[in-house]
Protein backbone atom coordinates (compact mmCIF):
# COMPACT_ATOMS: atom_id res chain seq x y z
CA MET A 1 -12.15 -22.55 -3.91
CA HIS A 2 -12.37 -20.90 -7.31
CA THR A 3 -9.35 -21.65 -9.55
CA SER A 4 -8.60 -17.97 -10.18
CA THR A 5 -8.67 -17.25 -6.42
CA LEU A 6 -6.28 -20.14 -5.77
CA ILE A 7 -3.90 -18.90 -8.45
CA LEU A 8 -4.01 -15.38 -7.00
CA ARG A 9 -3.20 -16.66 -3.50
CA ILE A 10 -0.29 -18.76 -4.79
CA SER A 11 1.04 -15.79 -6.75
CA LEU A 12 0.87 -13.53 -3.68
CA THR A 13 2.67 -16.17 -1.59
CA VAL A 14 5.46 -16.42 -4.16
CA LEU A 15 5.83 -12.64 -4.22
CA LEU A 16 5.98 -12.46 -0.43
CA LEU A 17 8.62 -15.20 -0.30
CA ALA A 18 10.64 -13.47 -3.00
CA GLY A 19 10.48 -10.23 -1.06
CA SER A 20 11.58 -11.99 2.10
CA LEU A 21 14.53 -13.62 0.35
CA GLY A 22 15.48 -10.32 -1.23
CA ALA A 23 15.48 -8.59 2.15
CA ALA A 24 17.71 -11.32 3.57
CA ALA A 25 20.13 -10.94 0.67
CA ARG A 26 20.31 -7.19 1.19
CA LYS A 27 20.80 -7.59 4.89
CA THR A 28 24.04 -9.58 4.68
CA ARG A 29 26.75 -7.53 2.99
CA ILE A 30 30.50 -7.60 2.49
CA HIS A 31 33.09 -6.70 5.13
CA SER A 32 36.54 -6.41 3.54
CA HIS A 33 38.75 -7.86 6.27
CA ASN A 34 42.29 -6.42 6.47
CA ASP A 35 41.49 -4.52 3.30
CA TYR A 36 44.93 -2.88 3.14
CA GLU A 37 46.36 -6.26 2.10
CA GLN A 38 44.25 -6.29 -1.06
CA ALA A 39 45.89 -5.63 -4.43
CA ARG A 40 43.86 -2.40 -4.63
CA PRO A 41 43.14 -1.22 -1.08
CA PHE A 42 39.77 0.50 -0.69
CA TRP A 43 38.96 0.52 -4.41
CA GLY A 44 38.67 -3.22 -4.92
CA ALA A 45 36.25 -3.57 -2.01
CA TYR A 46 34.38 -0.40 -2.95
CA GLU A 47 33.85 -1.60 -6.51
CA ALA A 48 32.59 -4.90 -5.10
CA GLY A 49 29.95 -2.94 -3.19
CA ALA A 50 31.38 -3.65 0.28
CA ALA A 51 29.41 -2.17 3.15
CA SER A 52 32.41 -2.26 5.48
CA ILE A 53 36.13 -1.80 4.87
CA GLU A 54 38.77 -2.48 7.53
CA ALA A 55 42.04 -0.68 8.15
CA ASP A 56 44.48 -1.40 11.00
CA ILE A 57 46.37 1.72 12.06
CA TRP A 58 49.59 2.40 13.94
CA LEU A 59 50.66 5.75 15.35
CA VAL A 60 54.42 6.12 14.81
CA ASP A 61 56.17 9.48 15.26
CA GLY A 62 52.84 11.30 14.95
CA ILE A 63 51.90 9.64 11.64
CA LEU A 64 49.11 7.10 11.11
CA HIS A 65 50.31 4.08 9.16
CA VAL A 66 48.20 1.18 7.84
CA ALA A 67 49.58 -2.31 8.52
CA HIS A 68 48.75 -5.56 10.23
CA ASN A 69 52.10 -5.88 12.01
CA ARG A 70 54.65 -3.27 13.05
CA LYS A 71 57.27 -4.80 10.74
CA ASP A 72 54.98 -4.05 7.78
CA ILE A 73 54.87 -0.29 8.42
CA SER A 74 55.92 1.69 5.37
CA PRO A 75 56.00 5.43 4.52
CA ASN A 76 54.06 4.51 1.37
CA ARG A 77 51.13 3.07 3.30
CA LEU A 78 49.49 5.92 5.18
CA LEU A 79 45.86 6.08 6.33
CA LYS A 80 45.45 9.51 4.78
CA ASP A 81 46.54 8.42 1.31
CA MET A 82 45.01 4.94 1.22
CA TYR A 83 41.62 5.61 2.80
CA LEU A 84 40.76 9.17 3.80
CA GLU A 85 41.56 10.67 0.41
CA SER A 86 39.78 7.81 -1.38
CA ILE A 87 36.67 8.34 0.74
CA ARG A 88 36.73 12.08 0.08
CA GLN A 89 37.00 11.35 -3.63
CA VAL A 90 33.91 9.10 -3.75
CA MET A 91 31.91 11.46 -1.52
CA GLU A 92 32.62 14.36 -3.86
CA ARG A 93 31.91 12.24 -6.93
CA ASN A 94 28.56 11.07 -5.53
CA GLY A 95 27.31 14.41 -4.24
CA GLY A 96 27.83 13.68 -0.55
CA LYS A 97 27.03 9.97 -0.68
CA ALA A 98 29.33 7.02 -0.09
CA TYR A 99 27.67 5.17 -2.97
CA PRO A 100 25.69 6.72 -5.84
CA LYS A 101 22.40 5.13 -4.70
CA GLY A 102 22.99 5.83 -1.02
CA GLU A 103 24.05 2.34 0.07
CA PRO A 104 25.77 2.40 3.49
CA LEU A 105 29.52 2.24 3.96
CA GLN A 106 31.56 2.06 7.14
CA LEU A 107 35.29 2.35 7.69
CA LEU A 108 36.24 -0.04 10.47
CA VAL A 109 39.45 1.19 12.11
CA ASP A 110 41.43 -1.16 14.35
CA LEU A 111 43.73 0.73 16.73
CA LYS A 112 46.98 -1.20 16.94
CA THR A 113 48.68 1.30 19.24
CA ASP A 114 47.26 2.87 22.41
CA ALA A 115 44.22 5.13 22.77
CA SER A 116 46.24 8.19 21.74
CA THR A 117 45.97 6.70 18.24
CA LEU A 118 42.30 7.66 18.23
CA ASP A 119 43.15 11.22 19.24
CA ALA A 120 45.58 11.38 16.32
CA LEU A 121 42.89 10.02 13.98
CA ILE A 122 40.38 12.65 15.09
CA SER A 123 42.97 15.41 14.62
CA LEU A 124 43.80 14.12 11.13
CA ILE A 125 40.12 14.04 10.16
CA ARG A 126 39.50 17.56 11.43
CA GLU A 127 42.69 19.19 10.22
CA GLY A 128 42.55 17.44 6.85
CA GLY A 129 39.00 18.60 6.21
CA TYR A 130 37.49 15.11 6.23
CA THR A 131 34.87 15.66 8.93
CA ALA A 132 31.99 15.99 6.44
CA CYS A 133 32.92 12.60 4.97
CA PHE A 134 32.14 10.92 8.32
CA ASN A 135 29.44 13.16 9.80
CA VAL A 136 26.51 10.72 9.60
CA LYS A 137 24.55 12.84 12.10
CA ASP A 138 24.15 15.65 9.56
CA ASN A 139 24.45 13.43 6.48
CA PRO A 140 23.10 9.85 6.79
CA ASN A 141 24.77 9.02 3.46
CA ALA A 142 28.25 9.77 4.79
CA VAL A 143 30.73 7.04 5.72
CA GLN A 144 30.38 5.82 9.29
CA ILE A 145 33.72 5.45 11.02
CA VAL A 146 33.73 2.66 13.62
CA ILE A 147 36.61 2.01 16.03
CA THR A 148 37.32 -1.62 16.84
CA GLY A 149 39.70 -3.30 19.25
CA ASP A 150 39.79 -2.90 23.03
CA LYS A 151 41.68 0.38 23.37
CA VAL A 152 38.68 2.54 24.40
CA LYS A 153 36.54 1.76 27.45
CA LYS A 154 32.78 2.19 27.06
CA GLU A 155 32.76 4.80 29.85
CA HIS A 156 34.89 7.03 27.60
CA PHE A 157 32.72 6.86 24.46
CA CYS A 158 31.12 10.19 25.33
CA ASN A 159 34.54 11.90 25.37
CA TYR A 160 34.86 11.62 21.60
CA PRO A 161 33.15 13.64 18.86
CA ASP A 162 29.80 12.33 17.66
CA PHE A 163 31.17 11.22 14.29
CA ILE A 164 33.19 8.52 16.07
CA PHE A 165 31.46 5.18 16.73
CA PHE A 166 32.61 1.96 18.36
CA ASP A 167 32.50 -1.76 17.63
CA GLY A 168 30.90 -3.43 20.63
CA LEU A 169 31.22 -6.87 22.20
CA PRO A 170 28.21 -9.20 22.54
CA HIS A 171 28.83 -9.97 26.22
CA ILE A 172 29.08 -6.31 27.29
CA ASP A 173 26.08 -4.41 28.66
CA TYR A 174 25.92 -0.82 27.43
CA THR A 175 23.86 2.04 28.78
CA PRO A 176 21.30 3.55 26.38
CA GLU A 177 23.67 6.48 25.72
CA GLN A 178 26.63 4.19 25.10
CA ARG A 179 24.51 2.00 22.84
CA LYS A 180 23.94 4.99 20.52
CA ARG A 181 27.67 4.83 19.73
CA VAL A 182 27.66 1.06 19.02
CA PRO A 183 26.29 0.42 15.51
CA MET A 184 27.85 -3.05 15.42
CA VAL A 185 29.01 -5.80 17.76
CA SER A 186 31.73 -8.27 16.79
CA ALA A 187 33.30 -11.39 18.23
CA HIS A 188 35.75 -14.12 17.25
CA TYR A 189 33.79 -16.95 15.71
CA GLY A 190 35.58 -19.42 18.00
CA LYS A 191 33.47 -18.05 20.86
CA PHE A 192 30.45 -19.69 19.23
CA THR A 193 31.60 -22.66 17.15
CA LYS A 194 34.52 -24.83 16.02
CA TRP A 195 33.03 -25.26 12.55
CA LYS A 196 35.68 -25.09 9.79
CA GLY A 197 33.49 -24.11 6.87
CA THR A 198 32.78 -27.53 5.38
CA GLY A 199 29.61 -29.54 5.72
CA GLN A 200 26.94 -28.34 8.11
CA MET A 201 27.46 -26.41 11.33
CA ASP A 202 26.25 -28.06 14.50
CA LYS A 203 22.61 -27.10 15.17
CA ALA A 204 23.37 -26.01 18.73
CA ASP A 205 26.10 -23.66 17.43
CA GLN A 206 23.68 -22.26 14.87
CA ARG A 207 21.14 -21.53 17.59
CA ARG A 208 23.83 -19.87 19.70
CA ILE A 209 24.84 -17.54 16.85
CA LYS A 210 21.24 -16.78 15.91
CA GLU A 211 20.54 -15.77 19.49
CA ALA A 212 23.55 -13.43 19.51
CA VAL A 213 22.35 -11.92 16.22
CA ARG A 214 18.85 -11.50 17.62
CA LYS A 215 20.16 -9.81 20.75
CA ALA A 216 22.33 -7.41 18.73
CA HIS A 217 19.49 -6.52 16.38
CA LYS A 218 17.11 -5.96 19.28
CA ALA A 219 19.62 -3.45 20.68
CA GLY A 220 19.87 -1.72 17.30
CA SER A 221 23.32 -3.03 16.34
CA LYS A 222 24.56 -5.11 13.44
CA PHE A 223 26.43 -8.36 14.11
CA ARG A 224 29.72 -9.73 12.75
CA LEU A 225 31.92 -12.73 13.52
CA TRP A 226 35.56 -12.21 12.62
CA ALA A 227 37.95 -15.00 11.57
CA PHE A 228 34.86 -16.89 10.32
CA PRO A 229 35.69 -19.46 7.60
CA ASP A 230 36.04 -17.74 4.24
CA ASN A 231 34.56 -19.85 1.45
CA GLU A 232 31.27 -20.09 -0.44
CA ASN A 233 29.79 -22.54 2.04
CA ALA A 234 30.65 -20.21 4.92
CA TRP A 235 29.29 -17.17 3.08
CA GLU A 236 25.97 -18.93 2.65
CA MET A 237 26.00 -19.97 6.31
CA THR A 238 26.60 -16.34 7.29
CA ARG A 239 23.44 -15.37 5.41
CA LYS A 240 21.47 -18.29 6.80
CA LEU A 241 22.31 -17.29 10.37
CA GLY A 242 21.23 -13.69 9.75
CA MET A 243 24.60 -12.06 10.33
CA ASP A 244 24.99 -8.62 8.77
CA PHE A 245 28.48 -9.01 7.33
CA ILE A 246 30.35 -11.67 5.41
CA ASN A 247 33.84 -11.32 6.86
CA THR A 248 36.09 -11.97 3.86
CA ASP A 249 39.50 -11.50 2.28
CA HIS A 250 37.83 -11.96 -1.15
CA PRO A 251 35.28 -9.15 -1.59
CA ASP A 252 35.24 -9.48 -5.37
CA ARG A 253 34.45 -13.20 -5.21
CA VAL A 254 31.73 -12.67 -2.61
CA ALA A 255 30.16 -9.95 -4.77
CA LYS A 256 29.96 -12.35 -7.71
CA THR A 257 28.44 -15.05 -5.48
CA LEU A 258 25.85 -12.70 -4.00
């Protein structure tokens, strides 16, 4: 083989590998777990480039509060002020985009009170004029709002407006119509492994997670494990296994690592 031809082939191989690694790096992004407990809710994760930001909400006396536990509810921590207004601000600043370059962003909302909490959320979005911020059907660059938890049965997905999506479960079978409302599936990492984030994960556990990721991707959904270990070794393992989100309480540190 001519030397120049060999060099060309090696160069092309290196470029292809670099492209593949770049795609993998873009695929796994930050999920800011329990974001409302950050020093700067929403903004810290947003500035770190998070693709997903989580807020737990409670409906108390007709008002949507953000908190992990009922005892933490405060009149100074409202969903409207902490998240909806912030999202409207960045959408207006970026000309109808969540991020200036069109990177995706989802608001993951965990319903801590019953299903009427979702009705209250929809009313707040509509009456507060936030619908355009979440209408990904008309604007793919809008913020996708995804409801997590087990408060809404899959048979009822169709009863909600089309700007509301749902976090699925990997063991649940969805109809094609229901699947359109499930952009992501999530599970507790303990369903797949007992790994604590140090050393190497058992190969059988890795295969089990990779298969769940493959199944989710085949169905058109992203995949996340919550409560996954939260350190640099675990972040790298998340990427290695092909999961779409690094579930973290440290979005700024993950951003620097990525």
